[in-house]
């Protein structure tokens, strides 16, 4: 009985981790119709990598970094600076 419990516990943990990872990948690749929809979920837009810089000036919010989410929404990056739907600080 003592040997079975750790095996069952390990199997349960491995299964729960694998299922949660799949759902995170699916959520990360969501494609948005326009910047208004994307900015409802990500106020600062979506950056392809953490080291990209904005061409348009100082932004109001920091962009969310996700390569897969950016790749699914490249059509929304009009200035091709690897940040889709960034909000420029106008003040």
N, C-alpha and C. Protein backbone atom coordinates (compact mmCIF):
# COMPACT_ATOMS: atom_id res chain seq x y z
N UNK A 1 0.82 -1.19 0.00
CA UNK A 1 0.00 0.00 0.00
C UNK A 1 0.86 1.26 0.00
N UNK A 2 2.01 1.23 0.73
CA UNK A 2 2.86 2.39 0.81
C UNK A 2 3.53 2.70 -0.53
N UNK A 3 3.77 1.69 -1.36
CA UNK A 3 4.40 1.90 -2.65
C UNK A 3 3.41 2.41 -3.69
N UNK A 4 2.16 2.07 -3.57
CA UNK A 4 1.15 2.45 -4.55
C UNK A 4 0.79 3.92 -4.42
N UNK A 5 0.71 4.44 -3.22
CA UNK A 5 0.30 5.82 -2.99
C UNK A 5 1.20 6.83 -3.72
N UNK A 6 2.52 6.76 -3.61
CA UNK A 6 3.36 7.71 -4.35
C UNK A 6 3.22 7.60 -5.87
N UNK A 7 3.01 6.40 -6.35
CA UNK A 7 2.84 6.20 -7.79
C UNK A 7 1.55 6.86 -8.27
N UNK A 8 0.48 6.65 -7.55
CA UNK A 8 -0.81 7.24 -7.91
C UNK A 8 -0.74 8.76 -7.80
N UNK A 9 -0.11 9.27 -6.77
CA UNK A 9 0.03 10.71 -6.58
C UNK A 9 0.87 11.32 -7.71
N UNK A 10 1.94 10.69 -8.08
CA UNK A 10 2.79 11.18 -9.17
C UNK A 10 2.04 11.20 -10.50
N UNK A 11 1.30 10.15 -10.77
CA UNK A 11 0.52 10.09 -12.00
C UNK A 11 -0.51 11.22 -12.04
N UNK A 12 -1.17 11.46 -10.93
CA UNK A 12 -2.17 12.53 -10.86
C UNK A 12 -1.56 13.90 -11.11
N UNK A 13 -0.40 14.15 -10.53
CA UNK A 13 0.26 15.43 -10.74
C UNK A 13 0.72 15.61 -12.19
N UNK A 14 1.27 14.57 -12.77
CA UNK A 14 1.72 14.66 -14.16
C UNK A 14 0.56 14.91 -15.11
N UNK A 15 -0.55 14.27 -14.88
CA UNK A 15 -1.71 14.45 -15.74
C UNK A 15 -2.27 15.86 -15.62
N UNK A 16 -2.34 16.41 -14.43
CA UNK A 16 -2.89 17.75 -14.26
C UNK A 16 -1.98 18.80 -14.88
N UNK A 17 -0.67 18.62 -14.80
CA UNK A 17 0.27 19.56 -15.40
C UNK A 17 0.15 19.53 -16.92
N UNK A 18 0.04 18.37 -17.52
CA UNK A 18 -0.02 18.28 -18.97
C UNK A 18 -1.32 18.88 -19.51
N UNK A 19 -2.43 18.73 -18.81
CA UNK A 19 -3.69 19.31 -19.28
C UNK A 19 -3.67 20.82 -19.16
N UNK A 20 -3.10 21.37 -18.10
CA UNK A 20 -3.07 22.82 -17.95
C UNK A 20 -2.14 23.47 -18.96
N UNK A 21 -1.08 22.80 -19.35
CA UNK A 21 -0.15 23.34 -20.34
C UNK A 21 -0.81 23.46 -21.70
N UNK A 22 -1.59 22.50 -22.09
CA UNK A 22 -2.27 22.54 -23.38
C UNK A 22 -3.25 23.70 -23.44
N UNK A 23 -3.99 23.96 -22.39
CA UNK A 23 -4.96 25.04 -22.42
C UNK A 23 -4.27 26.40 -22.46
N UNK A 24 -3.09 26.56 -21.84
CA UNK A 24 -2.37 27.82 -21.90
C UNK A 24 -1.85 28.10 -23.30
N UNK A 25 -1.41 27.09 -24.00
CA UNK A 25 -0.92 27.26 -25.37
C UNK A 25 -2.06 27.67 -26.28
N UNK A 26 -3.22 27.06 -26.13
CA UNK A 26 -4.37 27.42 -26.95
C UNK A 26 -4.80 28.86 -26.69
N UNK A 27 -4.79 29.30 -25.45
CA UNK A 27 -5.19 30.65 -25.13
C UNK A 27 -4.19 31.66 -25.65
N UNK A 28 -2.92 31.30 -25.68
CA UNK A 28 -1.89 32.23 -26.11
C UNK A 28 -1.96 32.50 -27.61
N UNK A 29 -2.50 31.60 -28.38
CA UNK A 29 -2.51 31.75 -29.83
C UNK A 29 -3.81 32.36 -30.34
N UNK A 30 -4.59 33.03 -29.52
CA UNK A 30 -5.86 33.62 -29.95
C UNK A 30 -5.61 34.74 -30.95
N UNK A 31 -6.36 34.74 -32.01
CA UNK A 31 -6.27 35.77 -33.03
C UNK A 31 -7.41 36.77 -32.84
N UNK A 32 -7.08 38.05 -32.83
CA UNK A 32 -8.07 39.10 -32.62
C UNK A 32 -8.44 39.77 -33.94
N UNK A 33 -9.67 40.26 -34.02
CA UNK A 33 -10.16 40.88 -35.25
C UNK A 33 -9.55 42.27 -35.44
N UNK A 34 -9.38 43.02 -34.34
CA UNK A 34 -8.83 44.37 -34.43
C UNK A 34 -8.15 44.76 -33.12
N UNK A 35 -7.53 45.93 -33.10
CA UNK A 35 -6.80 46.37 -31.91
C UNK A 35 -7.71 46.67 -30.73
N UNK A 36 -8.92 47.09 -30.98
CA UNK A 36 -9.86 47.36 -29.89
C UNK A 36 -10.12 46.10 -29.09
N UNK A 37 -10.33 44.98 -29.78
CA UNK A 37 -10.55 43.70 -29.09
C UNK A 37 -9.29 43.25 -28.36
N UNK A 38 -8.13 43.37 -28.99
CA UNK A 38 -6.88 42.94 -28.36
C UNK A 38 -6.58 43.78 -27.13
N UNK A 39 -6.83 45.09 -27.21
CA UNK A 39 -6.53 45.97 -26.08
C UNK A 39 -7.48 45.78 -24.90
N UNK A 40 -8.60 45.14 -25.10
CA UNK A 40 -9.47 44.80 -23.97
C UNK A 40 -8.79 43.78 -23.06
N UNK A 41 -8.03 42.85 -23.66
CA UNK A 41 -7.33 41.83 -22.89
C UNK A 41 -5.91 42.26 -22.53
N UNK A 42 -5.26 43.01 -23.42
CA UNK A 42 -3.86 43.41 -23.22
C UNK A 42 -3.74 44.90 -23.51
N UNK A 43 -3.83 45.74 -22.47
CA UNK A 43 -3.88 47.19 -22.63
C UNK A 43 -2.65 47.77 -23.34
N UNK A 44 -1.50 47.18 -23.13
CA UNK A 44 -0.28 47.69 -23.75
C UNK A 44 0.04 47.06 -25.08
N UNK A 45 -0.83 46.23 -25.59
CA UNK A 45 -0.56 45.52 -26.82
C UNK A 45 0.20 44.23 -26.54
N UNK A 46 0.72 43.62 -27.59
CA UNK A 46 1.45 42.36 -27.48
C UNK A 46 2.78 42.49 -28.21
N UNK A 47 3.87 42.24 -27.49
CA UNK A 47 5.21 42.30 -28.07
C UNK A 47 5.69 40.90 -28.41
N UNK A 48 6.49 40.79 -29.45
CA UNK A 48 7.03 39.49 -29.86
C UNK A 48 8.12 39.01 -28.92
N UNK A 49 8.93 39.94 -28.39
CA UNK A 49 10.01 39.60 -27.46
C UNK A 49 10.16 40.73 -26.44
N UNK A 50 10.82 40.45 -25.35
CA UNK A 50 10.95 41.44 -24.28
C UNK A 50 11.90 42.58 -24.65
N UNK A 51 12.79 42.36 -25.60
CA UNK A 51 13.78 43.38 -25.92
C UNK A 51 13.40 44.29 -27.09
N UNK A 52 12.19 44.21 -27.62
CA UNK A 52 11.79 45.08 -28.73
C UNK A 52 11.49 46.48 -28.22
N UNK A 53 11.75 47.48 -29.06
CA UNK A 53 11.47 48.86 -28.69
C UNK A 53 10.43 49.44 -29.63
N UNK A 54 9.65 50.34 -29.12
CA UNK A 54 8.56 50.93 -29.86
C UNK A 54 9.09 52.06 -30.74
N UNK A 55 8.73 52.07 -32.01
CA UNK A 55 9.14 53.12 -32.93
C UNK A 55 8.36 54.41 -32.72
N UNK A 56 7.13 54.29 -32.27
CA UNK A 56 6.22 55.43 -32.25
C UNK A 56 6.34 56.36 -31.05
N UNK A 57 7.20 56.12 -30.12
CA UNK A 57 7.32 56.99 -28.96
C UNK A 57 7.03 56.25 -27.68
N UNK A 58 6.78 57.03 -26.63
CA UNK A 58 6.55 56.45 -25.31
C UNK A 58 5.14 55.88 -25.22
N UNK A 59 5.05 54.64 -24.72
CA UNK A 59 3.74 54.00 -24.61
C UNK A 59 3.13 54.24 -23.23
N UNK A 60 1.82 54.17 -23.19
CA UNK A 60 1.09 54.37 -21.94
C UNK A 60 1.18 53.16 -21.03
N UNK A 61 1.15 51.95 -21.61
CA UNK A 61 1.22 50.70 -20.86
C UNK A 61 2.33 49.83 -21.42
N UNK A 62 2.86 48.96 -20.56
CA UNK A 62 3.89 48.02 -21.00
C UNK A 62 3.21 46.87 -21.75
N UNK A 63 3.75 46.48 -22.91
CA UNK A 63 3.12 45.40 -23.67
C UNK A 63 3.34 44.03 -23.04
N UNK A 64 2.39 43.15 -23.28
CA UNK A 64 2.48 41.75 -22.86
C UNK A 64 3.40 41.04 -23.85
N UNK A 65 4.34 40.25 -23.36
CA UNK A 65 5.31 39.58 -24.23
C UNK A 65 4.89 38.13 -24.45
N UNK A 66 4.63 37.79 -25.73
CA UNK A 66 4.28 36.43 -26.10
C UNK A 66 4.52 36.26 -27.60
N UNK A 67 5.46 35.43 -27.95
CA UNK A 67 5.78 35.20 -29.37
C UNK A 67 4.60 34.59 -30.11
N UNK A 68 3.96 33.58 -29.51
CA UNK A 68 2.86 32.91 -30.19
C UNK A 68 1.65 33.83 -30.36
N UNK A 69 1.36 34.64 -29.35
CA UNK A 69 0.23 35.57 -29.44
C UNK A 69 0.52 36.66 -30.46
N UNK A 70 1.76 37.16 -30.47
CA UNK A 70 2.13 38.17 -31.48
C UNK A 70 2.04 37.58 -32.88
N UNK A 71 2.57 36.37 -33.06
CA UNK A 71 2.55 35.74 -34.39
C UNK A 71 1.12 35.52 -34.89
N UNK A 72 0.19 35.27 -33.99
CA UNK A 72 -1.21 35.09 -34.39
C UNK A 72 -1.88 36.42 -34.77
N UNK A 73 -1.24 37.54 -34.39
CA UNK A 73 -1.83 38.86 -34.63
C UNK A 73 -0.87 39.82 -35.33
N UNK A 74 0.01 39.32 -36.14
CA UNK A 74 0.98 40.18 -36.83
C UNK A 74 0.30 41.20 -37.74
N UNK A 75 -0.88 40.88 -38.23
CA UNK A 75 -1.60 41.81 -39.10
C UNK A 75 -1.96 43.10 -38.38
N UNK A 76 -1.98 43.08 -37.05
CA UNK A 76 -2.33 44.26 -36.26
C UNK A 76 -1.12 45.14 -35.92
N UNK A 77 0.07 44.74 -36.33
CA UNK A 77 1.29 45.52 -36.11
C UNK A 77 1.54 46.37 -37.35
N UNK A 78 0.93 47.55 -37.40
CA UNK A 78 0.99 48.38 -38.60
C UNK A 78 2.38 48.96 -38.86
N UNK A 79 3.09 49.34 -37.80
CA UNK A 79 4.40 49.97 -37.99
C UNK A 79 5.56 48.97 -37.99
N UNK A 80 5.25 47.69 -37.91
CA UNK A 80 6.24 46.60 -38.00
C UNK A 80 7.39 46.74 -36.99
N UNK A 81 7.05 47.13 -35.75
CA UNK A 81 8.07 47.25 -34.71
C UNK A 81 8.02 46.08 -33.73
N UNK A 82 7.32 45.03 -34.10
CA UNK A 82 7.16 43.80 -33.31
C UNK A 82 6.36 44.01 -32.03
N UNK A 83 5.53 45.06 -32.01
CA UNK A 83 4.55 45.26 -30.94
C UNK A 83 3.21 45.52 -31.62
N UNK A 84 2.26 44.63 -31.42
CA UNK A 84 0.94 44.79 -32.04
C UNK A 84 0.04 45.57 -31.09
N UNK A 85 -0.61 46.60 -31.63
CA UNK A 85 -1.64 47.38 -30.93
C UNK A 85 -1.14 48.12 -29.69
N UNK A 86 0.07 48.65 -29.74
CA UNK A 86 0.56 49.44 -28.60
C UNK A 86 -0.17 50.79 -28.57
N UNK A 87 -0.38 51.31 -27.36
CA UNK A 87 -1.02 52.60 -27.19
C UNK A 87 0.04 53.64 -26.90
N UNK A 88 0.09 54.68 -27.72
CA UNK A 88 1.06 55.75 -27.57
C UNK A 88 0.54 56.73 -26.53
N UNK A 89 1.44 57.18 -25.64
CA UNK A 89 1.08 58.16 -24.63
C UNK A 89 1.01 59.54 -25.30
N UNK A 90 -0.17 60.12 -25.35
CA UNK A 90 -0.37 61.39 -26.04
C UNK A 90 -0.20 62.60 -25.12
N UNK A 91 -0.04 62.38 -23.84
CA UNK A 91 0.09 63.52 -22.94
C UNK A 91 1.54 63.83 -22.61
